[in-house]
């Protein structure tokens, strides 16, 4: 299993592990917006409590070092999430990526910036051979 970075930085972003108290900020930034989640595998949250449970699961995955590893994306110099990028390490040396950004951050290349960093990291790892993602053709 590769050693996954807990944080990373790009030209305009910092990425960090989620904390158990991040639910309300995530809810506000993107997780409650049906337009943002339209093409994702999960639907917009209408209450913060179920989102808080998901964030606790994300924290637990980091503590165990397995499952879905998610980073919160923040503009450099801030600690407020504008989105998230995640990775699932799969058998056979594969890394599956997915991301979400708040609507007001669409069209600025933030997702490509974060994804490029993580794919470059993944493909430099000797135990990983494939970096991939699903894409909804309607998106």
C-alpha atoms as a PDB file:
ATOM      1  CA  UNK A   1       0.000   0.000   0.000  1.00  0.00           C
ATOM      2  CA  UNK A   2       1.439   3.386  -0.938  1.00  0.00           C
ATOM      3  CA  UNK A   3       2.012   6.070   1.648  1.00  0.00           C
ATOM      4  CA  UNK A   4      -0.794   8.525   0.961  1.00  0.00           C
ATOM      5  CA  UNK A   5      -0.090  12.208   1.697  1.00  0.00           C
ATOM      6  CA  UNK A   6      -2.310  13.655   4.454  1.00  0.00           C
ATOM      7  CA  UNK A   7      -2.086  17.102   2.881  1.00  0.00           C
ATOM      8  CA  UNK A   8      -0.910  18.603  -0.367  1.00  0.00           C
ATOM      9  CA  UNK A   9      -0.704  22.004  -2.000  1.00  0.00           C
ATOM     10  CA  UNK A  10      -0.961  23.247  -5.559  1.00  0.00           C
ATOM     11  CA  UNK A  11      -0.485  26.734  -6.979  1.00  0.00           C
ATOM     12  CA  UNK A  12      -3.862  27.949  -5.683  1.00  0.00           C
ATOM     13  CA  UNK A  13      -5.130  25.249  -3.311  1.00  0.00           C
ATOM     14  CA  UNK A  14      -4.346  23.440  -0.131  1.00  0.00           C
ATOM     15  CA  UNK A  15      -5.843  20.044   0.550  1.00  0.00           C
ATOM     16  CA  UNK A  16      -6.284  18.545   4.000  1.00  0.00           C
ATOM     17  CA  UNK A  17      -7.921  15.611   5.695  1.00  0.00           C
ATOM     18  CA  UNK A  18     -11.473  16.290   6.891  1.00  0.00           C
ATOM     19  CA  UNK A  19     -12.106  16.950  10.574  1.00  0.00           C
ATOM     20  CA  UNK A  20     -15.213  15.862  12.484  1.00  0.00           C
ATOM     21  CA  UNK A  21     -16.370  19.494  12.811  1.00  0.00           C
ATOM     22  CA  UNK A  22     -16.240  20.224   9.037  1.00  0.00           C
ATOM     23  CA  UNK A  23     -19.841  19.141   8.319  1.00  0.00           C
ATOM     24  CA  UNK A  24     -21.499  22.586   8.477  1.00  0.00           C
ATOM     25  CA  UNK A  25     -18.838  24.189   6.240  1.00  0.00           C
ATOM     26  CA  UNK A  26     -19.104  21.352   3.696  1.00  0.00           C
ATOM     27  CA  UNK A  27     -22.903  21.589   3.795  1.00  0.00           C
ATOM     28  CA  UNK A  28     -22.745  25.333   3.034  1.00  0.00           C
ATOM     29  CA  UNK A  29     -20.026  25.155   0.402  1.00  0.00           C
ATOM     30  CA  UNK A  30     -21.366  22.384  -1.820  1.00  0.00           C
ATOM     31  CA  UNK A  31     -23.033  19.331  -0.238  1.00  0.00           C
ATOM     32  CA  UNK A  32     -26.518  20.859   0.026  1.00  0.00           C
ATOM     33  CA  UNK A  33     -26.686  22.037  -3.612  1.00  0.00           C
ATOM     34  CA  UNK A  34     -28.651  19.667  -5.912  1.00  0.00           C
ATOM     35  CA  UNK A  35     -27.050  21.226  -8.990  1.00  0.00           C
ATOM     36  CA  UNK A  36     -23.579  20.444  -7.636  1.00  0.00           C
ATOM     37  CA  UNK A  37     -24.431  16.823  -6.824  1.00  0.00           C
ATOM     38  CA  UNK A  38     -26.509  16.168  -9.964  1.00  0.00           C
ATOM     39  CA  UNK A  39     -23.930  13.862 -11.589  1.00  0.00           C
ATOM     40  CA  UNK A  40     -22.406  12.416  -8.436  1.00  0.00           C
ATOM     41  CA  UNK A  41     -23.044   9.037  -6.828  1.00  0.00           C
ATOM     42  CA  UNK A  42     -24.676  10.792  -3.860  1.00  0.00           C
ATOM     43  CA  UNK A  43     -27.521  13.278  -3.638  1.00  0.00           C
ATOM     44  CA  UNK A  44     -27.512  16.706  -2.008  1.00  0.00           C
ATOM     45  CA  UNK A  45     -27.916  16.670   1.757  1.00  0.00           C
ATOM     46  CA  UNK A  46     -31.019  18.410   3.084  1.00  0.00           C
ATOM     47  CA  UNK A  47     -29.764  18.282   6.680  1.00  0.00           C
ATOM     48  CA  UNK A  48     -26.284  18.566   8.138  1.00  0.00           C
ATOM     49  CA  UNK A  49     -26.633  15.629  10.586  1.00  0.00           C
ATOM     50  CA  UNK A  50     -26.316  12.840   7.967  1.00  0.00           C
ATOM     51  CA  UNK A  51     -23.406  14.735   6.427  1.00  0.00           C
ATOM     52  CA  UNK A  52     -21.715  14.871   9.828  1.00  0.00           C
ATOM     53  CA  UNK A  53     -21.963  11.057   9.976  1.00  0.00           C
ATOM     54  CA  UNK A  54     -20.324  10.792   6.547  1.00  0.00           C
ATOM     55  CA  UNK A  55     -17.520  13.149   7.614  1.00  0.00           C
ATOM     56  CA  UNK A  56     -16.904  10.957  10.681  1.00  0.00           C
ATOM     57  CA  UNK A  57     -16.606   7.963   8.320  1.00  0.00           C
ATOM     58  CA  UNK A  58     -14.076   9.890   6.213  1.00  0.00           C
ATOM     59  CA  UNK A  59     -12.018  10.671   9.321  1.00  0.00           C
ATOM     60  CA  UNK A  60     -12.147   6.981  10.303  1.00  0.00           C
ATOM     61  CA  UNK A  61     -10.899   5.910   6.851  1.00  0.00           C
ATOM     62  CA  UNK A  62      -7.859   8.133   7.295  1.00  0.00           C
ATOM     63  CA  UNK A  63      -7.235   6.736  10.781  1.00  0.00           C
ATOM     64  CA  UNK A  64      -7.365   3.164   9.413  1.00  0.00           C
ATOM     65  CA  UNK A  65      -5.546   4.055   6.196  1.00  0.00           C
ATOM     66  CA  UNK A  66      -8.068   2.349   3.923  1.00  0.00           C
ATOM     67  CA  UNK A  67     -11.271   2.869   2.000  1.00  0.00           C
ATOM     68  CA  UNK A  68     -12.274   6.225   0.581  1.00  0.00           C
ATOM     69  CA  UNK A  69      -9.592   8.792   1.389  1.00  0.00           C
ATOM     70  CA  UNK A  70     -10.942  12.316   0.945  1.00  0.00           C
ATOM     71  CA  UNK A  71      -9.211  15.668   1.094  1.00  0.00           C
ATOM     72  CA  UNK A  72     -11.023  18.955   1.545  1.00  0.00           C
ATOM     73  CA  UNK A  73      -9.935  21.559  -0.975  1.00  0.00           C
ATOM     74  CA  UNK A  74      -9.391  25.081   0.324  1.00  0.00           C
ATOM     75  CA  UNK A  75      -8.157  28.211  -1.390  1.00  0.00           C
ATOM     76  CA  UNK A  76      -4.550  28.843  -0.388  1.00  0.00           C
ATOM     77  CA  UNK A  77      -4.380  30.914   2.775  1.00  0.00           C
ATOM     78  CA  UNK A  78      -7.778  29.711   4.014  1.00  0.00           C
ATOM     79  CA  UNK A  79      -9.071  26.688   5.879  1.00  0.00           C
ATOM     80  CA  UNK A  80     -12.623  26.810   4.496  1.00  0.00           C
ATOM     81  CA  UNK A  81     -13.576  23.991   2.116  1.00  0.00           C
ATOM     82  CA  UNK A  82     -14.615  24.893  -1.432  1.00  0.00           C
ATOM     83  CA  UNK A  83     -14.817  21.258  -2.483  1.00  0.00           C
ATOM     84  CA  UNK A  84     -13.377  17.815  -2.019  1.00  0.00           C
ATOM     85  CA  UNK A  85     -11.290  15.317  -3.929  1.00  0.00           C
ATOM     86  CA  UNK A  86     -11.135  11.673  -3.004  1.00  0.00           C
ATOM     87  CA  UNK A  87      -9.363   8.463  -3.878  1.00  0.00           C
ATOM     88  CA  UNK A  88     -10.129   4.780  -3.458  1.00  0.00           C
ATOM     89  CA  UNK A  89      -7.147   2.466  -3.703  1.00  0.00           C
ATOM     90  CA  UNK A  90      -8.196  -0.750  -5.370  1.00  0.00           C
ATOM     91  CA  UNK A  91      -6.496  -4.098  -5.763  1.00  0.00           C
ATOM     92  CA  UNK A  92      -4.228  -4.541  -8.745  1.00  0.00           C
ATOM     93  CA  UNK A  93      -2.547  -1.165  -8.307  1.00  0.00           C
ATOM     94  CA  UNK A  94      -5.484   1.065  -9.236  1.00  0.00           C
ATOM     95  CA  UNK A  95      -6.507   4.435  -7.830  1.00  0.00           C
ATOM     96  CA  UNK A  96     -10.042   5.693  -8.495  1.00  0.00           C
ATOM     97  CA  UNK A  97     -10.526   9.468  -8.175  1.00  0.00           C
ATOM     98  CA  UNK A  98     -13.567  11.694  -7.801  1.00  0.00           C
ATOM     99  CA  UNK A  99     -14.137  15.316  -6.901  1.00  0.00           C
ATOM    100  CA  UNK A 100     -16.757  17.957  -6.205  1.00  0.00           C
ATOM    101  CA  UNK A 101     -16.587  21.747  -6.082  1.00  0.00           C
ATOM    102  CA  UNK A 102     -19.000  24.399  -4.912  1.00  0.00           C
ATOM    103  CA  UNK A 103     -20.774  26.004  -7.876  1.00  0.00           C
ATOM    104  CA  UNK A 104     -19.113  29.399  -7.525  1.00  0.00           C
ATOM    105  CA  UNK A 105     -15.740  27.673  -7.989  1.00  0.00           C
ATOM    106  CA  UNK A 106     -16.656  25.951 -11.259  1.00  0.00           C
ATOM    107  CA  UNK A 107     -14.830  26.976 -14.415  1.00  0.00           C
ATOM    108  CA  UNK A 108     -11.571  28.070 -12.761  1.00  0.00           C
ATOM    109  CA  UNK A 109      -9.569  24.872 -13.247  1.00  0.00           C
ATOM    110  CA  UNK A 110      -9.438  24.018  -9.520  1.00  0.00           C
ATOM    111  CA  UNK A 111     -10.512  20.390  -9.983  1.00  0.00           C
ATOM    112  CA  UNK A 112      -7.990  19.845 -12.779  1.00  0.00           C
ATOM    113  CA  UNK A 113      -5.278  21.419 -10.608  1.00  0.00           C
ATOM    114  CA  UNK A 114      -5.959  19.129  -7.648  1.00  0.00           C
ATOM    115  CA  UNK A 115      -6.513  16.045  -9.799  1.00  0.00           C
ATOM    116  CA  UNK A 116      -3.288  16.617 -11.746  1.00  0.00           C
ATOM    117  CA  UNK A 117      -1.362  16.743  -8.476  1.00  0.00           C
ATOM    118  CA  UNK A 118      -2.878  13.493  -7.190  1.00  0.00           C
ATOM    119  CA  UNK A 119      -2.596  11.602 -10.479  1.00  0.00           C
ATOM    120  CA  UNK A 120       1.065  12.639 -10.770  1.00  0.00           C
ATOM    121  CA  UNK A 121       1.594  11.393  -7.200  1.00  0.00           C
ATOM    122  CA  UNK A 122      -0.249   8.125  -7.880  1.00  0.00           C
ATOM    123  CA  UNK A 123       1.616   7.314 -11.075  1.00  0.00           C
ATOM    124  CA  UNK A 124       4.956   7.971  -9.345  1.00  0.00           C
ATOM    125  CA  UNK A 125       4.097   5.316  -6.743  1.00  0.00           C
ATOM    126  CA  UNK A 126       5.706   1.979  -7.659  1.00  0.00           C
ATOM    127  CA  UNK A 127       2.659  -0.040  -6.495  1.00  0.00           C
ATOM    128  CA  UNK A 128       0.108   1.947  -8.534  1.00  0.00           C
ATOM    129  CA  UNK A 129      -0.322   1.349 -12.243  1.00  0.00           C
ATOM    130  CA  UNK A 130      -3.634   2.965 -13.138  1.00  0.00           C
ATOM    131  CA  UNK A 131      -5.324   6.224 -12.173  1.00  0.00           C
ATOM    132  CA  UNK A 132      -8.932   6.512 -13.310  1.00  0.00           C
ATOM    133  CA  UNK A 133     -12.373   8.015 -12.720  1.00  0.00           C
ATOM    134  CA  UNK A 134     -15.981   7.549 -13.792  1.00  0.00           C
ATOM    135  CA  UNK A 135     -17.573  10.260 -15.884  1.00  0.00           C
ATOM    136  CA  UNK A 136     -21.279  10.751 -16.456  1.00  0.00           C
ATOM    137  CA  UNK A 137     -21.705  11.343 -20.211  1.00  0.00           C
ATOM    138  CA  UNK A 138     -24.393  13.945 -19.530  1.00  0.00           C
ATOM    139  CA  UNK A 139     -21.978  16.030 -17.456  1.00  0.00           C
END
